[in-house]
């Protein structure tokens, strides 16, 4: 639904120098009535470049810590990989031994490392919903776990798939909540 205030703001921005089709067409309204953020197409392109740069750096770091570790070698492909399909069973001995830092590192770390993926996917507009972002996180996690098995650089665990997917979902939900909050702030300002 288009509100009167939005239409007035649109007409205030329209001057002879700004009445080009790309500037008006550069603003889309989604099904929730949220604008894409700007009529300035150059600003959107700059934002996309920063998101892409952040995403590429994030992917390099993520693959470095998960697959291409110091134990990475092409000489022992498919020799040292292990698979653990029991869900959260490896945490029980660490809890009994009161190794809380290790539990925190493994549990929360697997979530935290995938939060940026959910944020970038939803913020860039590459996926439309939180669950679509979570499925992308699941697929990336599956790729990482498969590569860990092939190269023998880590234990391929079902826990990681679940926690990484949860992290992606949390990241996408954070972007959704931020947008909801920002949209609510704009309505009540005078």
Foldseek 3Di string as FASTA:
>chain_A
DDDPVNVVVVVVPDDPVPPDPQLVVVWDADPVRDTLPHSDVVVLVVVLVVLVVVVVVLVVVVCDVQFVDPLFDPVQFLNQEAEAEDACPVVVVCVVVVVVVVSCCVQVVLLQSQLSQLQSCCNNVVDPDLVVQLVVQLVVLVVSLVSCRRRVVDYNYPNSSVNSSNSSSNNNVVNVVVSVVVVVVVVPDD
